[in-house]
Amino acid sequence: MAARDLEMDAWINRYRSLAEGVVIMVCPVLLAIALNKVNLKIEEHGRVVPIIMLVVAAITLIAGICPFLICRLTGPPHTVTKCMASLSCTCLVVLACWIMRLIISDNWLYPAIGAVFGLCIVVSTVIYGRRNNAAPGNAGHYNIQENSLELSAGVTALLFLGLEGLALEGQNNVLKSTPDPLSKPMGASFIACVVGVWLMLLETNPAQISHDKISNLTKLFDIIMTSGICLVMFFIIDALMKIKALLLMAPPFLILMVHVFHLVFPPTVVNANNGREFKPASLELTKVTFTGFLAVSIPRIRNGSLNKCTHWFILLAASAIASGLVWRLFTHVRPVDNKVVATANIASFCTHLCIVIAAIPFAVMAGNALS
């Protein structure tokens, strides 16, 4: 009975993470259309496009939230919840392709990539539907999957926000075949989004494999998602500052060097966590910082108005985001030992230090805006 309750809680947590991610990804699309921030009524698109896009967005939102509600009311997942979760992820890929198609109207490469990952989602759903639910496991087994899914859903939601922000900025000057500073950031955001959606579905419907294999797979998924968002930030900064974009990787590199030092010379402190549960680092600070990063950096790509304050804010905010994601990765490591705890504490300090310093140019920017 206890094992069944544990499995039920795990499914509820998975579907909750999926629902939260879908809401963050889809609501900006609906909001942009509702507030007329994007013009879908021009002759090129026709009258049907806005209606169909709204319907797809609504289906995505409903199909992403309902599995959590159904699982909460009726118990373990069944065919309906599995299909709805897959439908929601498929519609997310469709929306990402649609956004790219509306902006880069003469390039079919991105819809083709989206079709490949859409097919991967369908195949994953069919394979998962032909077998029973994942076998019961222990608390550590479920925690690894849930923590990794929370990271995948959170990072994919941030990537979707980046794609939508870049699309809104690019709609005023539709990207054609000529070089455009928004092309690389949009392409990187799109590919990272569709990969993230697929991984998010794989972790929502976990495979029936051993605990060790799941642990290794989730580590791989976490590294892929972290690398994806860092790649998107790199291309955004590269469009503004060129070679200085490499400074983005300085804090994560230093953190990894500290971890190597800890591996060679282990910390002498015994039980560094003082017996407390070692929980994954929260993504809330990273989400807020990334939102500010997008709000400041994306408009500057088009108009090129980059002064010293915005220059340093963008670099420091990106460094804080990268450090925060590395911090999150180290708090996923199991089993926990003194070396992992010590490195995670350094990553936490580095993240907060970058944010504190970034607040200085941000405050100057605010003061200049008021004056």
Protein backbone atom coordinates (compact mmCIF):
# COMPACT_ATOMS: atom_id res chain seq x y z
CA MET A 1 0.00 0.00 0.00
CA ALA A 2 2.83 2.36 0.86
CA ALA A 3 4.54 1.62 -2.48
CA ARG A 4 1.31 2.40 -4.34
CA ASP A 5 0.88 5.70 -2.47
CA LEU A 6 4.49 6.57 -3.29
CA GLU A 7 3.92 5.84 -6.97
CA MET A 8 0.70 7.87 -6.96
CA ASP A 9 2.44 10.88 -5.44
CA ALA A 10 5.16 10.58 -8.07
CA TRP A 11 2.62 10.68 -10.91
CA ILE A 12 0.87 13.68 -9.40
CA ASN A 13 4.18 15.53 -9.09
CA ARG A 14 5.09 14.71 -12.69
CA TYR A 15 1.80 15.93 -14.09
CA ARG A 16 1.98 19.04 -11.90
CA SER A 17 5.39 19.92 -13.37
CA LEU A 18 4.05 19.30 -16.88
CA ALA A 19 1.01 21.51 -16.25
CA GLU A 20 3.08 24.37 -14.83
CA GLY A 21 5.47 24.25 -17.77
CA VAL A 22 2.65 24.23 -20.33
CA VAL A 23 0.92 27.20 -18.70
CA ILE A 24 4.12 29.27 -18.77
CA MET A 25 4.75 28.34 -22.42
CA VAL A 26 1.26 28.86 -23.84
CA CYS A 27 -0.16 31.82 -21.93
CA PRO A 28 2.24 34.37 -23.52
CA VAL A 29 1.02 33.24 -26.96
CA LEU A 30 -2.60 33.83 -25.98
CA LEU A 31 -1.70 37.10 -24.28
CA ALA A 32 0.21 38.40 -27.32
CA ILE A 33 -2.76 37.71 -29.58
CA ALA A 34 -5.32 39.07 -27.11
CA LEU A 35 -3.39 42.34 -26.64
CA ASN A 36 -2.71 42.71 -30.39
CA LYS A 37 1.04 42.52 -29.81
CA VAL A 38 1.35 40.37 -32.93
CA ASN A 39 -0.45 41.06 -36.20
CA LEU A 40 -1.94 37.88 -37.63
CA LYS A 41 -4.62 39.60 -39.69
CA ILE A 42 -2.48 40.69 -42.61
CA GLU A 43 -3.25 39.37 -46.07
CA GLU A 44 -0.24 37.03 -46.08
CA HIS A 45 -1.68 34.98 -43.21
CA GLY A 46 -5.38 35.22 -44.01
CA ARG A 47 -8.30 35.21 -41.60
CA VAL A 48 -8.10 31.55 -40.65
CA VAL A 49 -4.58 31.62 -39.15
CA PRO A 50 -5.41 33.54 -35.94
CA ILE A 51 -8.39 31.31 -35.19
CA ILE A 52 -6.50 28.06 -35.77
CA MET A 53 -3.54 29.29 -33.71
CA LEU A 54 -5.84 30.19 -30.84
CA VAL A 55 -7.50 26.76 -31.02
CA VAL A 56 -4.13 24.96 -31.00
CA ALA A 57 -2.95 27.08 -28.04
CA ALA A 58 -6.17 26.36 -26.13
CA ILE A 59 -5.91 22.61 -26.83
CA THR A 60 -2.29 22.67 -25.65
CA LEU A 61 -3.25 24.40 -22.42
CA ILE A 62 -6.21 22.14 -21.66
CA ALA A 63 -4.39 18.92 -22.58
CA GLY A 64 -1.44 19.95 -20.40
CA ILE A 65 -3.49 20.71 -17.28
CA CYS A 66 -6.12 17.95 -17.44
CA PRO A 67 -3.76 14.99 -16.77
CA PHE A 68 -2.92 16.50 -13.37
CA LEU A 69 -6.62 17.08 -12.56
CA ILE A 70 -7.67 13.62 -13.74
CA CYS A 71 -4.82 11.89 -11.89
CA ARG A 72 -5.69 13.86 -8.76
CA LEU A 73 -9.35 12.81 -8.92
CA THR A 74 -9.30 9.27 -10.32
CA GLY A 75 -5.96 7.79 -9.28
CA PRO A 76 -3.08 6.34 -11.31
CA PRO A 77 -2.69 7.44 -14.94
CA HIS A 78 -4.48 5.58 -17.70
CA THR A 79 -4.86 5.85 -21.46
CA VAL A 80 -6.61 9.24 -21.40
CA THR A 81 -3.97 10.99 -19.30
CA LYS A 82 -1.13 9.46 -21.33
CA CYS A 83 -2.69 10.60 -24.61
CA MET A 84 -3.48 14.09 -23.29
CA ALA A 85 0.09 14.62 -22.07
CA SER A 86 1.40 13.54 -25.46
CA LEU A 87 -1.14 15.72 -27.27
CA SER A 88 -0.07 18.74 -25.25
CA CYS A 89 3.62 18.17 -26.06
CA THR A 90 2.82 17.63 -29.75
CA CYS A 91 0.86 20.88 -29.85
CA LEU A 92 3.78 22.69 -28.19
CA VAL A 93 6.03 21.55 -31.03
CA VAL A 94 3.38 22.69 -33.53
CA LEU A 95 3.20 26.12 -31.88
CA ALA A 96 6.99 26.46 -31.95
CA CYS A 97 7.03 25.56 -35.66
CA TRP A 98 4.18 27.98 -36.30
CA ILE A 99 5.99 30.83 -34.57
CA MET A 100 9.11 30.22 -36.65
CA ARG A 101 7.08 29.90 -39.85
CA LEU A 102 5.28 33.20 -39.26
CA ILE A 103 8.57 35.06 -38.78
CA ILE A 104 10.93 33.18 -41.13
CA SER A 105 8.36 32.61 -43.84
CA ASP A 106 10.65 31.24 -46.58
CA ASN A 107 12.55 28.66 -44.54
CA TRP A 108 11.13 25.14 -44.19
CA LEU A 109 14.09 23.77 -42.23
CA TYR A 110 12.61 24.51 -38.80
CA PRO A 111 9.18 22.97 -39.52
CA ALA A 112 11.03 19.90 -40.81
CA ILE A 113 13.03 19.67 -37.56
CA GLY A 114 9.79 20.11 -35.62
CA ALA A 115 8.18 17.30 -37.63
CA VAL A 116 11.05 14.97 -36.69
CA PHE A 117 10.62 15.67 -32.99
CA GLY A 118 6.83 15.48 -33.34
CA LEU A 119 7.33 12.00 -34.78
CA CYS A 120 9.60 11.15 -31.84
CA ILE A 121 6.81 12.19 -29.46
CA VAL A 122 4.29 9.99 -31.30
CA VAL A 123 6.66 7.00 -31.32
CA SER A 124 7.44 7.48 -27.60
CA THR A 125 3.71 7.59 -26.85
CA VAL A 126 3.00 4.41 -28.82
CA ILE A 127 5.85 2.54 -27.14
CA TYR A 128 4.74 3.75 -23.72
CA GLY A 129 1.09 2.88 -24.43
CA ARG A 130 1.95 -0.72 -25.32
CA ARG A 131 3.28 -1.48 -21.87
CA ASN A 132 2.16 -1.02 -18.29
CA ASN A 133 3.05 1.92 -16.08
CA ALA A 134 6.55 2.09 -14.72
CA ALA A 135 7.23 -0.43 -12.00
CA PRO A 136 7.09 0.83 -8.45
CA GLY A 137 10.34 2.11 -7.03
CA ASN A 138 11.65 3.66 -3.87
CA ALA A 139 11.53 7.29 -2.83
CA GLY A 140 14.98 8.03 -4.22
CA HIS A 141 14.01 6.48 -7.55
CA TYR A 142 11.00 8.78 -7.91
CA ASN A 143 12.76 11.88 -6.57
CA ILE A 144 15.42 11.68 -9.28
CA GLN A 145 12.77 11.60 -12.01
CA GLU A 146 10.64 14.34 -10.48
CA ASN A 147 13.58 16.69 -9.90
CA SER A 148 14.84 16.18 -13.42
CA LEU A 149 11.35 16.72 -14.89
CA GLU A 150 10.97 19.93 -12.88
CA LEU A 151 14.26 21.16 -14.35
CA SER A 152 13.31 20.12 -17.91
CA ALA A 153 9.87 21.74 -17.67
CA GLY A 154 11.24 24.92 -16.10
CA VAL A 155 14.08 25.33 -18.62
CA THR A 156 11.83 24.51 -21.60
CA ALA A 157 9.34 27.13 -20.38
CA LEU A 158 12.15 29.70 -20.23
CA LEU A 159 13.29 28.73 -23.73
CA PHE A 160 9.74 29.12 -25.01
CA LEU A 161 9.58 32.60 -23.46
CA GLY A 162 12.82 33.42 -25.25
CA LEU A 163 11.48 32.15 -28.56
CA GLU A 164 8.27 34.15 -28.14
CA GLY A 165 10.19 37.29 -27.18
CA LEU A 166 12.47 36.96 -30.19
CA ALA A 167 9.45 36.36 -32.44
CA LEU A 168 7.67 39.47 -31.16
CA GLU A 169 10.81 41.49 -31.78
CA GLY A 170 11.24 40.00 -35.24
CA GLN A 171 7.67 40.46 -36.45
CA ASN A 172 8.23 44.14 -37.25
CA ASN A 173 10.87 43.16 -39.79
CA VAL A 174 10.08 39.67 -41.03
CA LEU A 175 13.23 37.60 -41.38
CA LYS A 176 13.89 36.55 -44.94
CA SER A 177 16.94 35.06 -46.59
CA THR A 178 19.17 38.04 -45.80
CA PRO A 179 21.35 37.83 -42.65
CA ASP A 180 19.59 39.07 -39.57
CA PRO A 181 20.90 39.33 -35.99
CA LEU A 182 17.80 37.56 -34.69
CA SER A 183 18.19 34.51 -36.94
CA LYS A 184 20.76 32.58 -34.87
CA PRO A 185 19.10 33.24 -31.47
CA MET A 186 15.70 32.24 -32.87
CA GLY A 187 17.09 29.09 -34.47
CA ALA A 188 18.89 28.05 -31.29
CA SER A 189 15.77 28.79 -29.20
CA PHE A 190 13.55 26.76 -31.51
CA ILE A 191 15.79 23.68 -31.54
CA ALA A 192 16.28 23.84 -27.76
CA CYS A 193 12.50 24.17 -27.30
CA VAL A 194 11.53 21.12 -29.37
CA VAL A 195 14.28 19.02 -27.75
CA GLY A 196 13.12 20.18 -24.32
CA VAL A 197 9.47 19.32 -25.05
CA TRP A 198 10.45 15.80 -26.13
CA LEU A 199 12.63 15.22 -23.06
CA MET A 200 9.86 16.63 -20.88
CA LEU A 201 7.44 14.02 -22.22
CA LEU A 202 9.99 11.21 -21.77
CA GLU A 203 10.38 12.15 -18.12
CA THR A 204 6.64 12.55 -17.61
CA ASN A 205 6.13 8.99 -18.89
CA PRO A 206 9.28 7.27 -17.55
CA ALA A 207 10.64 4.05 -19.00
CA GLN A 208 10.69 0.69 -17.24
CA ILE A 209 14.43 0.54 -16.70
CA SER A 210 16.72 0.10 -13.76
CA HIS A 211 17.36 2.77 -11.15
CA ASP A 212 20.97 3.20 -12.26
CA LYS A 213 20.01 3.71 -15.90
CA ILE A 214 17.33 6.23 -14.96
CA SER A 215 19.86 8.11 -12.85
CA ASN A 216 22.30 8.28 -15.77
CA LEU A 217 19.59 9.28 -18.26
CA THR A 218 18.26 12.06 -16.07
CA LYS A 219 21.80 13.42 -15.63
CA LEU A 220 22.17 13.41 -19.41
CA PHE A 221 18.79 15.14 -19.87
CA ASP A 222 19.68 17.77 -17.25
CA ILE A 223 23.00 18.53 -18.95
CA ILE A 224 21.31 18.79 -22.36
CA MET A 225 18.70 21.26 -21.07
CA THR A 226 21.30 23.34 -19.22
CA SER A 227 23.49 23.41 -22.32
CA GLY A 228 20.49 24.41 -24.45
CA ILE A 229 19.61 27.51 -22.46
CA CYS A 230 23.29 28.52 -22.23
CA LEU A 231 23.57 28.16 -26.01
CA VAL A 232 20.55 30.43 -26.53
CA MET A 233 22.02 33.06 -24.21
CA PHE A 234 25.36 32.78 -26.01
CA PHE A 235 23.79 33.57 -29.39
CA ILE A 236 21.80 36.47 -27.94
CA ILE A 237 24.92 37.98 -26.37
CA ASP A 238 26.95 37.21 -29.50
CA ALA A 239 24.50 39.28 -31.55
CA LEU A 240 25.19 42.20 -29.19
CA MET A 241 28.84 41.88 -28.12
CA LYS A 242 30.47 39.24 -30.37
CA ILE A 243 33.49 37.63 -28.67
CA LYS A 244 32.50 38.87 -25.21
CA ALA A 245 29.74 36.27 -25.26
CA LEU A 246 32.37 33.74 -24.16
CA LEU A 247 32.42 35.44 -20.74
CA LEU A 248 29.08 33.71 -20.15
CA MET A 249 30.92 30.46 -19.50
CA ALA A 250 33.42 31.92 -17.01
CA PRO A 251 31.39 31.29 -13.80
CA PRO A 252 30.41 27.68 -14.70
CA PHE A 253 34.02 26.97 -15.66
CA LEU A 254 35.29 28.30 -12.33
CA ILE A 255 32.68 26.23 -10.45
CA LEU A 256 33.77 23.08 -12.28
CA MET A 257 37.41 23.86 -11.49
CA VAL A 258 36.46 24.21 -7.82
CA HIS A 259 34.76 20.81 -8.01
CA VAL A 260 37.91 19.27 -9.52
CA PHE A 261 39.87 20.78 -6.63
CA HIS A 262 37.40 19.24 -4.18
CA LEU A 263 37.80 15.86 -5.89
CA VAL A 264 41.58 16.03 -5.53
CA PHE A 265 41.53 17.57 -2.04
CA PRO A 266 38.26 16.53 -0.37
CA PRO A 267 36.79 18.97 2.17
CA THR A 268 37.68 18.06 5.74
CA VAL A 269 34.25 19.03 7.12
CA VAL A 270 32.33 15.91 8.07
CA ASN A 271 28.61 15.78 7.25
CA ALA A 272 28.64 19.19 5.55
CA ASN A 273 24.88 19.18 5.25
CA ASN A 274 24.42 18.74 9.01
CA GLY A 275 22.10 15.81 8.51
CA ARG A 276 19.47 17.87 6.68
CA GLU A 277 17.81 16.75 3.48
CA PHE A 278 19.78 18.00 0.48
CA LYS A 279 17.05 19.47 -1.74
CA PRO A 280 17.46 20.63 -5.35
CA ALA A 281 18.12 24.34 -5.75
CA SER A 282 15.05 26.37 -6.62
CA LEU A 283 14.64 27.58 -10.21
CA GLU A 284 12.64 30.66 -9.22
CA LEU A 285 15.68 32.93 -9.02
CA THR A 286 16.86 31.69 -12.41
CA LYS A 287 13.43 32.25 -13.96
CA VAL A 288 13.20 35.85 -12.72
CA THR A 289 16.76 36.63 -13.84
CA PHE A 290 16.20 35.09 -17.28
CA THR A 291 13.03 37.14 -17.74
CA GLY A 292 14.99 40.30 -16.99
CA PHE A 293 17.77 39.16 -19.31
CA LEU A 294 15.30 38.72 -22.18
CA ALA A 295 13.51 42.00 -21.50
CA VAL A 296 16.76 43.97 -21.67
CA SER A 297 18.73 42.08 -24.33
CA ILE A 298 16.23 41.24 -27.08
CA PRO A 299 15.16 44.84 -27.95
CA ARG A 300 18.85 45.83 -28.10
CA ILE A 301 19.57 43.25 -30.81
CA ARG A 302 17.38 45.12 -33.26
CA ASN A 303 18.09 48.75 -32.35
CA GLY A 304 21.70 48.31 -31.25
CA SER A 305 21.35 50.72 -28.30
CA LEU A 306 23.85 49.15 -25.92
CA ASN A 307 25.48 51.34 -23.28
CA LYS A 308 27.78 50.31 -20.46
CA CYS A 309 24.96 49.67 -17.99
CA THR A 310 23.01 47.36 -20.31
CA HIS A 311 26.30 45.75 -21.38
CA TRP A 312 27.24 44.76 -17.84
CA PHE A 313 23.70 43.87 -16.79
CA ILE A 314 23.31 41.43 -19.70
CA LEU A 315 26.66 39.77 -19.01
CA LEU A 316 26.13 39.51 -15.26
CA ALA A 317 22.53 38.30 -15.58
CA ALA A 318 23.58 35.61 -18.06
CA SER A 319 26.43 34.57 -15.75
CA ALA A 320 23.99 34.34 -12.83
CA ILE A 321 21.63 32.17 -14.89
CA ALA A 322 24.44 29.83 -15.98
CA SER A 323 25.75 29.60 -12.40
CA GLY A 324 22.23 28.97 -11.09
CA LEU A 325 21.74 26.08 -13.51
CA VAL A 326 25.09 24.55 -12.53
CA TRP A 327 24.04 24.95 -8.89
CA ARG A 328 20.85 23.08 -9.69
CA LEU A 329 22.78 20.29 -11.43
CA PHE A 330 25.02 19.74 -8.41
CA THR A 331 22.03 19.55 -6.08
CA HIS A 332 20.68 16.69 -8.23
CA VAL A 333 23.73 14.51 -7.55
CA ARG A 334 23.02 11.38 -5.52
CA PRO A 335 24.43 10.10 -3.24
CA VAL A 336 25.34 13.36 -1.56
CA ASP A 337 28.84 13.72 -0.13
CA ASN A 338 30.96 16.55 1.24
CA LYS A 339 32.52 17.29 -2.16
CA VAL A 340 29.12 17.76 -3.84
CA VAL A 341 27.78 19.91 -0.99
CA ALA A 342 30.88 22.10 -0.96
CA THR A 343 30.72 22.69 -4.73
CA ALA A 344 26.98 23.36 -4.61
CA ASN A 345 27.58 25.98 -1.91
CA ILE A 346 30.21 27.67 -4.11
CA ALA A 347 27.79 27.63 -7.06
CA SER A 348 25.07 29.15 -4.86
CA PHE A 349 27.43 31.90 -3.69
CA CYS A 350 28.52 32.64 -7.26
CA THR A 351 24.89 32.84 -8.44
CA HIS A 352 23.84 35.27 -5.75
CA LEU A 353 27.01 37.34 -6.13
CA CYS A 354 26.38 37.81 -9.88
CA ILE A 355 22.79 38.86 -9.18
CA VAL A 356 23.83 41.37 -6.52
CA ILE A 357 26.40 42.93 -8.85
CA ALA A 358 23.91 42.90 -11.77
CA ALA A 359 21.48 44.86 -9.61
CA ILE A 360 23.84 47.87 -9.71
CA PRO A 361 23.70 48.54 -13.50
CA PHE A 362 20.03 47.57 -13.45
CA ALA A 363 19.33 50.28 -10.86
CA VAL A 364 21.31 52.81 -12.92
CA MET A 365 19.24 51.86 -15.98
CA ALA A 366 16.05 52.41 -14.01
CA GLY A 367 17.32 55.77 -12.76
CA ASN A 368 18.20 56.87 -16.30
CA ALA A 369 14.74 55.88 -17.49
CA LEU A 370 13.10 57.99 -14.77
CA SER A 371 15.26 61.01 -15.55
